[in-house]
Amino acid sequence: MKKMNLLASLMLAVLIASCSSSPERLLIGKWNPTGKTAQDADAPSQLEFTKDKMKMTMGGMSIEMAYQWVADDKIEMNMMGHADIKVDKKSLTMTVAGDANTFERAK
C-alpha cells in the first residue's frame, strides 16, 4: 500500500510540474524589454499578460487587448494579429510580422 501511495504521489507531482510550465501559464505576468527591444523608442516599456488580455504600456499610455492561443507557440491578438511566442520562466520573445522583441520577467 505504501508503494501505491508513493507512486500516486510521484505521478501527481509530475502532473503538477508539467501543468505549471505550459506556455499559457508561463506567459502570465509582467514583462520588461531587454536588449535591442529596450533601446527601441517604438517598443513597449512593459507588457502584462493575464489569462486572456494583454496590457501594453508605451510612453505613459496603456493599451489593453484580448488575445487567445491558436497554437502552442502562437497567439492571436484582436488589434495586432498573430504573434509567435517563445517563453520560459525568465524570458519572452514575441515576434510580430517578422519583428522579434525580447523581454524579461519583471521582478
PDB file of N, CA and C in Angstrom:
ATOM      1  N   MET A   1       0.821  -1.203   0.000  1.00  0.00           N
ATOM      2  CA  MET A   1       0.000   0.000   0.000  1.00  0.00           C
ATOM      3  C   MET A   1       0.863   1.265   0.000  1.00  0.00           C
ATOM      4  N   LYS A   2       2.006   1.204   0.750  1.00  0.00           N
ATOM      5  CA  LYS A   2       2.897   2.360   0.777  1.00  0.00           C
ATOM      6  C   LYS A   2       3.479   2.646  -0.602  1.00  0.00           C
ATOM      7  N   LYS A   3       3.809   1.584  -1.357  1.00  0.00           N
ATOM      8  CA  LYS A   3       4.339   1.764  -2.695  1.00  0.00           C
ATOM      9  C   LYS A   3       3.307   2.416  -3.607  1.00  0.00           C
ATOM     10  N   MET A   4       2.040   2.030  -3.454  1.00  0.00           N
ATOM     11  CA  MET A   4       0.964   2.594  -4.268  1.00  0.00           C
ATOM     12  C   MET A   4       0.798   4.081  -3.948  1.00  0.00           C
ATOM     13  N   ASN A   5       0.846   4.451  -2.660  1.00  0.00           N
ATOM     14  CA  ASN A   5       0.736   5.861  -2.278  1.00  0.00           C
ATOM     15  C   ASN A   5       1.910   6.669  -2.816  1.00  0.00           C
ATOM     16  N   LEU A   6       3.116   6.095  -2.737  1.00  0.00           N
ATOM     17  CA  LEU A   6       4.302   6.774  -3.245  1.00  0.00           C
ATOM     18  C   LEU A   6       4.194   6.977  -4.756  1.00  0.00           C
ATOM     19  N   LEU A   7       3.765   5.953  -5.457  1.00  0.00           N
ATOM     20  CA  LEU A   7       3.605   6.054  -6.905  1.00  0.00           C
ATOM     21  C   LEU A   7       2.559   7.108  -7.266  1.00  0.00           C
ATOM     22  N   ALA A   8       1.453   7.120  -6.570  1.00  0.00           N
ATOM     23  CA  ALA A   8       0.398   8.113  -6.828  1.00  0.00           C
ATOM     24  C   ALA A   8       0.917   9.522  -6.540  1.00  0.00           C
ATOM     25  N   SER A   9       1.684   9.686  -5.477  1.00  0.00           N
ATOM     26  CA  SER A   9       2.252  10.996  -5.137  1.00  0.00           C
ATOM     27  C   SER A   9       3.224  11.472  -6.208  1.00  0.00           C
ATOM     28  N   LEU A  10       4.061  10.570  -6.699  1.00  0.00           N
ATOM     29  CA  LEU A  10       5.011  10.929  -7.747  1.00  0.00           C
ATOM     30  C   LEU A  10       4.297  11.307  -9.038  1.00  0.00           C
ATOM     31  N   MET A  11       3.277  10.575  -9.388  1.00  0.00           N
ATOM     32  CA  MET A  11       2.523  10.883 -10.607  1.00  0.00           C
ATOM     33  C   MET A  11       1.841  12.247 -10.489  1.00  0.00           C
ATOM     34  N   LEU A  12       1.302  12.555  -9.313  1.00  0.00           N
ATOM     35  CA  LEU A  12       0.663  13.843  -9.091  1.00  0.00           C
ATOM     36  C   LEU A  12       1.693  14.968  -9.190  1.00  0.00           C
ATOM     37  N   ALA A  13       2.878  14.776  -8.617  1.00  0.00           N
ATOM     38  CA  ALA A  13       3.933  15.786  -8.685  1.00  0.00           C
ATOM     39  C   ALA A  13       4.345  16.051 -10.132  1.00  0.00           C
ATOM     40  N   VAL A  14       4.482  15.010 -10.931  1.00  0.00           N
ATOM     41  CA  VAL A  14       4.840  15.162 -12.342  1.00  0.00           C
ATOM     42  C   VAL A  14       3.740  15.908 -13.091  1.00  0.00           C
ATOM     43  N   LEU A  15       2.498  15.579 -12.817  1.00  0.00           N
ATOM     44  CA  LEU A  15       1.373  16.251 -13.470  1.00  0.00           C
ATOM     45  C   LEU A  15       1.350  17.741 -13.127  1.00  0.00           C
ATOM     46  N   ILE A  16       1.529  18.075 -11.869  1.00  0.00           N
ATOM     47  CA  ILE A  16       1.532  19.481 -11.444  1.00  0.00           C
ATOM     48  C   ILE A  16       2.697  20.222 -12.082  1.00  0.00           C
ATOM     49  N   ALA A  17       3.869  19.612 -12.092  1.00  0.00           N
ATOM     50  CA  ALA A  17       5.048  20.251 -12.694  1.00  0.00           C
ATOM     51  C   ALA A  17       4.843  20.503 -14.182  1.00  0.00           C
ATOM     52  N   SER A  18       4.250  19.559 -14.883  1.00  0.00           N
ATOM     53  CA  SER A  18       4.056  19.739 -16.326  1.00  0.00           C
ATOM     54  C   SER A  18       3.015  20.815 -16.618  1.00  0.00           C
ATOM     55  N   CYS A  19       2.011  20.952 -15.788  1.00  0.00           N
ATOM     56  CA  CYS A  19       0.990  21.981 -15.992  1.00  0.00           C
ATOM     57  C   CYS A  19       1.541  23.371 -15.730  1.00  0.00           C
ATOM     58  N   SER A  20       2.383  23.511 -14.722  1.00  0.00           N
ATOM     59  CA  SER A  20       2.872  24.826 -14.343  1.00  0.00           C
ATOM     60  C   SER A  20       3.854  25.394 -15.359  1.00  0.00           C
ATOM     61  N   SER A  21       4.407  24.567 -16.238  1.00  0.00           N
ATOM     62  CA  SER A  21       5.369  25.076 -17.202  1.00  0.00           C
ATOM     63  C   SER A  21       4.789  25.179 -18.611  1.00  0.00           C
ATOM     64  N   SER A  22       3.481  25.142 -18.747  1.00  0.00           N
ATOM     65  CA  SER A  22       2.875  25.302 -20.066  1.00  0.00           C
ATOM     66  C   SER A  22       3.059  26.755 -20.521  1.00  0.00           C
ATOM     67  N   PRO A  23       3.180  26.982 -21.825  1.00  0.00           N
ATOM     68  CA  PRO A  23       3.343  28.356 -22.317  1.00  0.00           C
ATOM     69  C   PRO A  23       2.217  29.285 -21.842  1.00  0.00           C
ATOM     70  N   GLU A  24       1.012  28.763 -21.763  1.00  0.00           N
ATOM     71  CA  GLU A  24      -0.120  29.582 -21.326  1.00  0.00           C
ATOM     72  C   GLU A  24       0.087  30.110 -19.913  1.00  0.00           C
ATOM     73  N   ARG A  25       0.598  29.291 -19.031  1.00  0.00           N
ATOM     74  CA  ARG A  25       0.842  29.711 -17.643  1.00  0.00           C
ATOM     75  C   ARG A  25       2.092  30.573 -17.527  1.00  0.00           C
ATOM     76  N   LEU A  26       3.144  30.217 -18.273  1.00  0.00           N
ATOM     77  CA  LEU A  26       4.387  30.965 -18.198  1.00  0.00           C
ATOM     78  C   LEU A  26       4.239  32.393 -18.707  1.00  0.00           C
ATOM     79  N   LEU A  27       3.355  32.609 -19.665  1.00  0.00           N
ATOM     80  CA  LEU A  27       3.184  33.936 -20.252  1.00  0.00           C
ATOM     81  C   LEU A  27       2.570  34.929 -19.269  1.00  0.00           C
ATOM     82  N   ILE A  28       1.760  34.455 -18.362  1.00  0.00           N
ATOM     83  CA  ILE A  28       1.038  35.339 -17.436  1.00  0.00           C
ATOM     84  C   ILE A  28       2.019  36.063 -16.518  1.00  0.00           C
ATOM     85  N   GLY A  29       1.888  37.386 -16.468  1.00  0.00           N
ATOM     86  CA  GLY A  29       2.738  38.211 -15.620  1.00  0.00           C
ATOM     87  C   GLY A  29       3.176  39.474 -16.347  1.00  0.00           C
ATOM     88  N   LYS A  30       4.092  40.204 -15.709  1.00  0.00           N
ATOM     89  CA  LYS A  30       4.616  41.448 -16.281  1.00  0.00           C
ATOM     90  C   LYS A  30       5.992  41.188 -16.877  1.00  0.00           C
ATOM     91  N   TRP A  31       6.253  41.844 -18.026  1.00  0.00           N
ATOM     92  CA  TRP A  31       7.481  41.649 -18.781  1.00  0.00           C
ATOM     93  C   TRP A  31       8.092  43.003 -19.148  1.00  0.00           C
ATOM     94  N   ASN A  32       9.393  43.154 -18.919  1.00  0.00           N
ATOM     95  CA  ASN A  32      10.130  44.367 -19.280  1.00  0.00           C
ATOM     96  C   ASN A  32      11.028  44.089 -20.478  1.00  0.00           C
ATOM     97  N   PRO A  33      11.184  45.069 -21.387  1.00  0.00           N
ATOM     98  CA  PRO A  33      12.009  44.857 -22.577  1.00  0.00           C
ATOM     99  C   PRO A  33      13.484  44.682 -22.239  1.00  0.00           C
ATOM    100  N   THR A  34      14.188  43.918 -23.081  1.00  0.00           N
ATOM    101  CA  THR A  34      15.629  43.711 -22.921  1.00  0.00           C
ATOM    102  C   THR A  34      16.314  43.917 -24.268  1.00  0.00           C
ATOM    103  N   GLY A  35      17.633  44.017 -24.232  1.00  0.00           N
ATOM    104  CA  GLY A  35      18.420  44.093 -25.458  1.00  0.00           C
ATOM    105  C   GLY A  35      17.977  45.182 -26.404  1.00  0.00           C
ATOM    106  N   LYS A  36      17.912  44.850 -27.682  1.00  0.00           N
ATOM    107  CA  LYS A  36      17.530  45.797 -28.742  1.00  0.00           C
ATOM    108  C   LYS A  36      16.128  46.355 -28.503  1.00  0.00           C
ATOM    109  N   THR A  37      15.238  45.525 -27.968  1.00  0.00           N
ATOM    110  CA  THR A  37      13.865  45.973 -27.705  1.00  0.00           C
ATOM    111  C   THR A  37      13.854  47.126 -26.702  1.00  0.00           C
ATOM    112  N   ALA A  38      14.695  47.047 -25.667  1.00  0.00           N
ATOM    113  CA  ALA A  38      14.747  48.092 -24.638  1.00  0.00           C
ATOM    114  C   ALA A  38      15.257  49.414 -25.206  1.00  0.00           C
ATOM    115  N   GLN A  39      16.056  49.364 -26.273  1.00  0.00           N
ATOM    116  CA  GLN A  39      16.624  50.572 -26.873  1.00  0.00           C
ATOM    117  C   GLN A  39      15.734  51.168 -27.953  1.00  0.00           C
ATOM    118  N   ASP A  40      14.706  50.446 -28.369  1.00  0.00           N
ATOM    119  CA  ASP A  40      13.812  50.889 -29.437  1.00  0.00           C
ATOM    120  C   ASP A  40      12.750  51.829 -28.864  1.00  0.00           C
ATOM    121  N   ALA A  41      12.753  53.069 -29.331  1.00  0.00           N
ATOM    122  CA  ALA A  41      11.798  54.066 -28.824  1.00  0.00           C
ATOM    123  C   ALA A  41      10.351  53.690 -29.119  1.00  0.00           C
ATOM    124  N   ASP A  42      10.113  52.881 -30.150  1.00  0.00           N
ATOM    125  CA  ASP A  42       8.747  52.479 -30.515  1.00  0.00           C
ATOM    126  C   ASP A  42       8.296  51.216 -29.795  1.00  0.00           C
ATOM    127  N   ALA A  43       9.185  50.585 -29.037  1.00  0.00           N
ATOM    128  CA  ALA A  43       8.836  49.339 -28.343  1.00  0.00           C
ATOM    129  C   ALA A  43       8.093  49.645 -27.055  1.00  0.00           C
ATOM    130  N   PRO A  44       7.256  48.714 -26.611  1.00  0.00           N
ATOM    131  CA  PRO A  44       6.558  48.920 -25.338  1.00  0.00           C
ATOM    132  C   PRO A  44       7.546  48.943 -24.175  1.00  0.00           C
ATOM    133  N   SER A  45       7.220  49.740 -23.147  1.00  0.00           N
ATOM    134  CA  SER A  45       8.071  49.784 -21.960  1.00  0.00           C
ATOM    135  C   SER A  45       7.726  48.659 -20.995  1.00  0.00           C
ATOM    136  N   GLN A  46       6.540  48.058 -21.166  1.00  0.00           N
ATOM    137  CA  GLN A  46       6.176  46.885 -20.376  1.00  0.00           C
ATOM    138  C   GLN A  46       4.967  46.196 -21.013  1.00  0.00           C
ATOM    139  N   LEU A  47       4.957  44.861 -20.907  1.00  0.00           N
ATOM    140  CA  LEU A  47       3.800  44.055 -21.287  1.00  0.00           C
ATOM    141  C   LEU A  47       3.295  43.368 -20.033  1.00  0.00           C
ATOM    142  N   GLU A  48       1.991  43.247 -19.926  1.00  0.00           N
ATOM    143  CA  GLU A  48       1.401  42.481 -18.830  1.00  0.00           C
ATOM    144  C   GLU A  48       0.338  41.558 -19.416  1.00  0.00           C
ATOM    145  N   PHE A  49       0.501  40.259 -19.164  1.00  0.00           N
ATOM    146  CA  PHE A  49      -0.442  39.266 -19.665  1.00  0.00           C
ATOM    147  C   PHE A  49      -1.248  38.700 -18.511  1.00  0.00           C
ATOM    148  N   THR A  50      -2.564  38.613 -18.711  1.00  0.00           N
ATOM    149  CA  THR A  50      -3.428  37.840 -17.836  1.00  0.00           C
ATOM    150  C   THR A  50      -3.859  36.619 -18.652  1.00  0.00           C
ATOM    151  N   LYS A  51      -4.821  35.888 -18.163  1.00  0.00           N
ATOM    152  CA  LYS A  51      -5.263  34.673 -18.857  1.00  0.00           C
ATOM    153  C   LYS A  51      -5.733  34.946 -20.281  1.00  0.00           C
ATOM    154  N   ASP A  52      -6.363  36.102 -20.527  1.00  0.00           N
ATOM    155  CA  ASP A  52      -6.919  36.359 -21.857  1.00  0.00           C
ATOM    156  C   ASP A  52      -6.766  37.803 -22.345  1.00  0.00           C
ATOM    157  N   LYS A  53      -5.986  38.605 -21.625  1.00  0.00           N
ATOM    158  CA  LYS A  53      -5.776  40.002 -22.025  1.00  0.00           C
ATOM    159  C   LYS A  53      -4.299  40.353 -21.944  1.00  0.00           C
ATOM    160  N   MET A  54      -3.889  41.271 -22.822  1.00  0.00           N
ATOM    161  CA  MET A  54      -2.542  41.810 -22.793  1.00  0.00           C
ATOM    162  C   MET A  54      -2.645  43.318 -22.636  1.00  0.00           C
ATOM    163  N   LYS A  55      -1.869  43.845 -21.706  1.00  0.00           N
ATOM    164  CA  LYS A  55      -1.799  45.294 -21.498  1.00  0.00           C
ATOM    165  C   LYS A  55      -0.398  45.728 -21.912  1.00  0.00           C
ATOM    166  N   MET A  56      -0.332  46.648 -22.869  1.00  0.00           N
ATOM    167  CA  MET A  56       0.930  47.142 -23.382  1.00  0.00           C
ATOM    168  C   MET A  56       1.071  48.597 -22.960  1.00  0.00           C
ATOM    169  N   THR A  57       2.165  48.910 -22.259  1.00  0.00           N
ATOM    170  CA  THR A  57       2.421  50.278 -21.815  1.00  0.00           C
ATOM    171  C   THR A  57       3.525  50.867 -22.683  1.00  0.00           C
ATOM    172  N   MET A  58       3.246  52.056 -23.214  1.00  0.00           N
ATOM    173  CA  MET A  58       4.202  52.756 -24.081  1.00  0.00           C
ATOM    174  C   MET A  58       4.116  54.243 -23.784  1.00  0.00           C
ATOM    175  N   GLY A  59       5.236  54.824 -23.376  1.00  0.00           N
ATOM    176  CA  GLY A  59       5.288  56.270 -23.169  1.00  0.00           C
ATOM    177  C   GLY A  59       4.210  56.809 -22.253  1.00  0.00           C
ATOM    178  N   GLY A  60       3.909  56.135 -21.180  1.00  0.00           N
ATOM    179  CA  GLY A  60       2.905  56.604 -20.230  1.00  0.00           C
ATOM    180  C   GLY A  60       1.475  56.244 -20.590  1.00  0.00           C
ATOM    181  N   MET A  61       1.257  55.689 -21.776  1.00  0.00           N
ATOM    182  CA  MET A  61      -0.083  55.264 -22.184  1.00  0.00           C
ATOM    183  C   MET A  61      -0.167  53.747 -22.130  1.00  0.00           C
ATOM    184  N   SER A  62      -1.359  53.243 -21.863  1.00  0.00           N
ATOM    185  CA  SER A  62      -1.569  51.794 -21.849  1.00  0.00           C
ATOM    186  C   SER A  62      -2.676  51.420 -22.810  1.00  0.00           C
ATOM    187  N   ILE A  63      -2.453  50.322 -23.499  1.00  0.00           N
ATOM    188  CA  ILE A  63      -3.460  49.762 -24.412  1.00  0.00           C
ATOM    189  C   ILE A  63      -3.716  48.339 -23.952  1.00  0.00           C
ATOM    190  N   GLU A  64      -4.979  47.997 -23.817  1.00  0.00           N
ATOM    191  CA  GLU A  64      -5.345  46.638 -23.413  1.00  0.00           C
ATOM    192  C   GLU A  64      -6.076  45.966 -24.563  1.00  0.00           C
ATOM    193  N   MET A  65      -5.705  44.715 -24.828  1.00  0.00           N
ATOM    194  CA  MET A  65      -6.376  43.980 -25.899  1.00  0.00           C
ATOM    195  C   MET A  65      -6.528  42.513 -25.523  1.00  0.00           C
ATOM    196  N   ALA A  66      -7.548  41.905 -26.058  1.00  0.00           N
ATOM    197  CA  ALA A  66      -7.770  40.480 -25.831  1.00  0.00           C
ATOM    198  C   ALA A  66      -6.826  39.680 -26.720  1.00  0.00           C
ATOM    199  N   TYR A  67      -6.475  38.485 -26.249  1.00  0.00           N
ATOM    200  CA  TYR A  67      -5.691  37.562 -27.063  1.00  0.00           C
ATOM    201  C   TYR A  67      -6.166  36.150 -26.779  1.00  0.00           C
ATOM    202  N   GLN A  68      -5.837  35.244 -27.686  1.00  0.00           N
ATOM    203  CA  GLN A  68      -6.132  33.826 -27.469  1.00  0.00           C
ATOM    204  C   GLN A  68      -5.018  32.999 -28.085  1.00  0.00           C
ATOM    205  N   TRP A  69      -4.789  31.842 -27.500  1.00  0.00           N
ATOM    206  CA  TRP A  69      -3.797  30.913 -28.028  1.00  0.00           C
ATOM    207  C   TRP A  69      -4.390  30.202 -29.237  1.00  0.00           C
ATOM    208  N   VAL A  70      -3.651  30.168 -30.341  1.00  0.00           N
ATOM    209  CA  VAL A  70      -4.101  29.449 -31.533  1.00  0.00           C
ATOM    210  C   VAL A  70      -3.194  28.249 -31.827  1.00  0.00           C
ATOM    211  N   ALA A  71      -2.071  28.160 -31.126  1.00  0.00           N
ATOM    212  CA  ALA A  71      -1.140  27.025 -31.192  1.00  0.00           C
ATOM    213  C   ALA A  71      -0.275  27.093 -29.935  1.00  0.00           C
ATOM    214  N   ASP A  72       0.547  26.079 -29.711  1.00  0.00           N
ATOM    215  CA  ASP A  72       1.406  26.063 -28.526  1.00  0.00           C
ATOM    216  C   ASP A  72       2.402  27.214 -28.499  1.00  0.00           C
ATOM    217  N   ASP A  73       2.679  27.807 -29.644  1.00  0.00           N
ATOM    218  CA  ASP A  73       3.676  28.872 -29.707  1.00  0.00           C
ATOM    219  C   ASP A  73       3.165  30.100 -30.467  1.00  0.00           C
ATOM    220  N   LYS A  74       1.852  30.278 -30.516  1.00  0.00           N
ATOM    221  CA  LYS A  74       1.284  31.388 -31.288  1.00  0.00           C
ATOM    222  C   LYS A  74       0.009  31.906 -30.628  1.00  0.00           C
ATOM    223  N   ILE A  75      -0.071  33.238 -30.518  1.00  0.00           N
ATOM    224  CA  ILE A  75      -1.293  33.860 -30.037  1.00  0.00           C
ATOM    225  C   ILE A  75      -1.856  34.762 -31.128  1.00  0.00           C
ATOM    226  N   GLU A  76      -3.149  35.023 -31.021  1.00  0.00           N
ATOM    227  CA  GLU A  76      -3.804  35.969 -31.916  1.00  0.00           C
ATOM    228  C   GLU A  76      -4.360  37.086 -31.050  1.00  0.00           C
ATOM    229  N   MET A  77      -3.957  38.325 -31.370  1.00  0.00           N
ATOM    230  CA  MET A  77      -4.412  39.493 -30.615  1.00  0.00           C
ATOM    231  C   MET A  77      -5.426  40.249 -31.448  1.00  0.00           C
ATOM    232  N   ASN A  78      -6.459  40.781 -30.795  1.00  0.00           N
ATOM    233  CA  ASN A  78      -7.535  41.400 -31.566  1.00  0.00           C
ATOM    234  C   ASN A  78      -7.121  42.683 -32.272  1.00  0.00           C
ATOM    235  N   MET A  79      -6.022  43.340 -31.880  1.00  0.00           N
ATOM    236  CA  MET A  79      -5.590  44.568 -32.566  1.00  0.00           C
ATOM    237  C   MET A  79      -4.333  44.392 -33.409  1.00  0.00           C
ATOM    238  N   MET A  80      -3.523  43.383 -33.091  1.00  0.00           N
ATOM    239  CA  MET A  80      -2.211  43.277 -33.734  1.00  0.00           C
ATOM    240  C   MET A  80      -2.032  42.010 -34.568  1.00  0.00           C
ATOM    241  N   GLY A  81      -3.007  41.141 -34.607  1.00  0.00           N
ATOM    242  CA  GLY A  81      -2.879  39.918 -35.372  1.00  0.00           C
ATOM    243  C   GLY A  81      -2.118  38.841 -34.630  1.00  0.00           C
ATOM    244  N   HIS A  82      -1.388  38.001 -35.370  1.00  0.00           N
ATOM    245  CA  HIS A  82      -0.680  36.856 -34.782  1.00  0.00           C
ATOM    246  C   HIS A  82       0.689  37.256 -34.253  1.00  0.00           C
ATOM    247  N   ALA A  83       1.120  36.553 -33.197  1.00  0.00           N
ATOM    248  CA  ALA A  83       2.473  36.700 -32.662  1.00  0.00           C
ATOM    249  C   ALA A  83       2.998  35.320 -32.313  1.00  0.00           C
ATOM    250  N   ASP A  84       4.245  35.064 -32.710  1.00  0.00           N
ATOM    251  CA  ASP A  84       4.915  33.838 -32.293  1.00  0.00           C
ATOM    252  C   ASP A  84       5.492  34.084 -30.907  1.00  0.00           C
ATOM    253  N   ILE A  85       5.322  33.113 -30.026  1.00  0.00           N
ATOM    254  CA  ILE A  85       5.719  33.257 -28.624  1.00  0.00           C
ATOM    255  C   ILE A  85       6.723  32.176 -28.252  1.00  0.00           C
ATOM    256  N   LYS A  86       7.837  32.595 -27.666  1.00  0.00           N
ATOM    257  CA  LYS A  86       8.782  31.685 -27.023  1.00  0.00           C
ATOM    258  C   LYS A  86       8.923  32.190 -25.596  1.00  0.00           C
ATOM    259  N   VAL A  87       8.520  31.372 -24.639  1.00  0.00           N
ATOM    260  CA  VAL A  87       8.504  31.841 -23.254  1.00  0.00           C
ATOM    261  C   VAL A  87       9.036  30.763 -22.319  1.00  0.00           C
ATOM    262  N   ASP A  88       9.763  31.205 -21.312  1.00  0.00           N
ATOM    263  CA  ASP A  88      10.150  30.330 -20.213  1.00  0.00           C
ATOM    264  C   ASP A  88       9.970  31.138 -18.928  1.00  0.00           C
ATOM    265  N   LYS A  89      10.481  30.647 -17.820  1.00  0.00           N
ATOM    266  CA  LYS A  89      10.246  31.316 -16.544  1.00  0.00           C
ATOM    267  C   LYS A  89      10.825  32.723 -16.479  1.00  0.00           C
ATOM    268  N   LYS A  90      11.892  32.985 -17.228  1.00  0.00           N
ATOM    269  CA  LYS A  90      12.588  34.264 -17.120  1.00  0.00           C
ATOM    270  C   LYS A  90      12.506  35.146 -18.355  1.00  0.00           C
ATOM    271  N   SER A  91      12.284  34.556 -19.540  1.00  0.00           N
ATOM    272  CA  SER A  91      12.360  35.360 -20.751  1.00  0.00           C
ATOM    273  C   SER A  91      11.191  35.083 -21.710  1.00  0.00           C
ATOM    274  N   LEU A  92      10.921  36.100 -22.518  1.00  0.00           N
ATOM    275  CA  LEU A  92       9.847  36.050 -23.514  1.00  0.00           C
ATOM    276  C   LEU A  92      10.381  36.648 -24.806  1.00  0.00           C
ATOM    277  N   THR A  93      10.175  35.948 -25.908  1.00  0.00           N
ATOM    278  CA  THR A  93      10.425  36.513 -27.235  1.00  0.00           C
ATOM    279  C   THR A  93       9.096  36.493 -27.964  1.00  0.00           C
ATOM    280  N   MET A  94       8.681  37.662 -28.410  1.00  0.00           N
ATOM    281  CA  MET A  94       7.395  37.816 -29.090  1.00  0.00           C
ATOM    282  C   MET A  94       7.688  38.376 -30.473  1.00  0.00           C
ATOM    283  N   THR A  95       7.339  37.618 -31.516  1.00  0.00           N
ATOM    284  CA  THR A  95       7.617  38.024 -32.886  1.00  0.00           C
ATOM    285  C   THR A  95       6.307  38.357 -33.587  1.00  0.00           C
ATOM    286  N   VAL A  96       6.206  39.617 -34.016  1.00  0.00           N
ATOM    287  CA  VAL A  96       5.022  40.093 -34.733  1.00  0.00           C
ATOM    288  C   VAL A  96       5.485  40.613 -36.084  1.00  0.00           C
ATOM    289  N   ALA A  97       4.900  40.084 -37.153  1.00  0.00           N
ATOM    290  CA  ALA A  97       5.232  40.500 -38.524  1.00  0.00           C
ATOM    291  C   ALA A  97       6.737  40.459 -38.774  1.00  0.00           C
ATOM    292  N   GLY A  98       7.400  39.407 -38.290  1.00  0.00           N
ATOM    293  CA  GLY A  98       8.821  39.227 -38.517  1.00  0.00           C
ATOM    294  C   GLY A  98       9.738  40.022 -37.598  1.00  0.00           C
ATOM    295  N   ASP A  99       9.184  40.867 -36.740  1.00  0.00           N
ATOM    296  CA  ASP A  99       9.979  41.698 -35.830  1.00  0.00           C
ATOM    297  C   ASP A  99       9.984  41.062 -34.444  1.00  0.00           C
ATOM    298  N   ALA A 100      11.139  40.548 -34.016  1.00  0.00           N
ATOM    299  CA  ALA A 100      11.248  39.871 -32.716  1.00  0.00           C
ATOM    300  C   ALA A 100      11.572  40.881 -31.620  1.00  0.00           C
ATOM    301  N   ASN A 101      10.836  40.794 -30.520  1.00  0.00           N
ATOM    302  CA  ASN A 101      11.066  41.635 -29.352  1.00  0.00           C
ATOM    303  C   ASN A 101      11.312  40.731 -28.154  1.00  0.00           C
ATOM    304  N   THR A 102      12.303  41.097 -27.331  1.00  0.00           N
ATOM    305  CA  THR A 102      12.664  40.275 -26.185  1.00  0.00           C
ATOM    306  C   THR A 102      12.327  40.984 -24.876  1.00  0.00           C
ATOM    307  N   PHE A 103      11.922  40.174 -23.901  1.00  0.00           N
ATOM    308  CA  PHE A 103      11.513  40.705 -22.600  1.00  0.00           C
ATOM    309  C   PHE A 103      12.005  39.772 -21.502  1.00  0.00           C
ATOM    310  N   GLU A 104      12.138  40.334 -20.298  1.00  0.00           N
ATOM    311  CA  GLU A 104      12.440  39.525 -19.123  1.00  0.00           C
ATOM    312  C   GLU A 104      11.314  39.725 -18.121  1.00  0.00           C
ATOM    313  N   ARG A 105      11.081  38.705 -17.326  1.00  0.00           N
ATOM    314  CA  ARG A 105      10.008  38.785 -16.333  1.00  0.00           C
ATOM    315  C   ARG A 105      10.318  39.905 -15.345  1.00  0.00           C
ATOM    316  N   ALA A 106       9.336  40.756 -15.080  1.00  0.00           N
ATOM    317  CA  ALA A 106       9.501  41.848 -14.110  1.00  0.00           C
ATOM    318  C   ALA A 106       9.576  41.279 -12.702  1.00  0.00           C
ATOM    319  N   LYS A 107      10.371  41.899 -11.882  1.00  0.00           N
ATOM    320  CA  LYS A 107      10.529  41.417 -10.509  1.00  0.00           C
ATOM    321  C   LYS A 107       9.591  42.107  -9.575  1.00  0.00           C
TER     322      LYS A 107
END
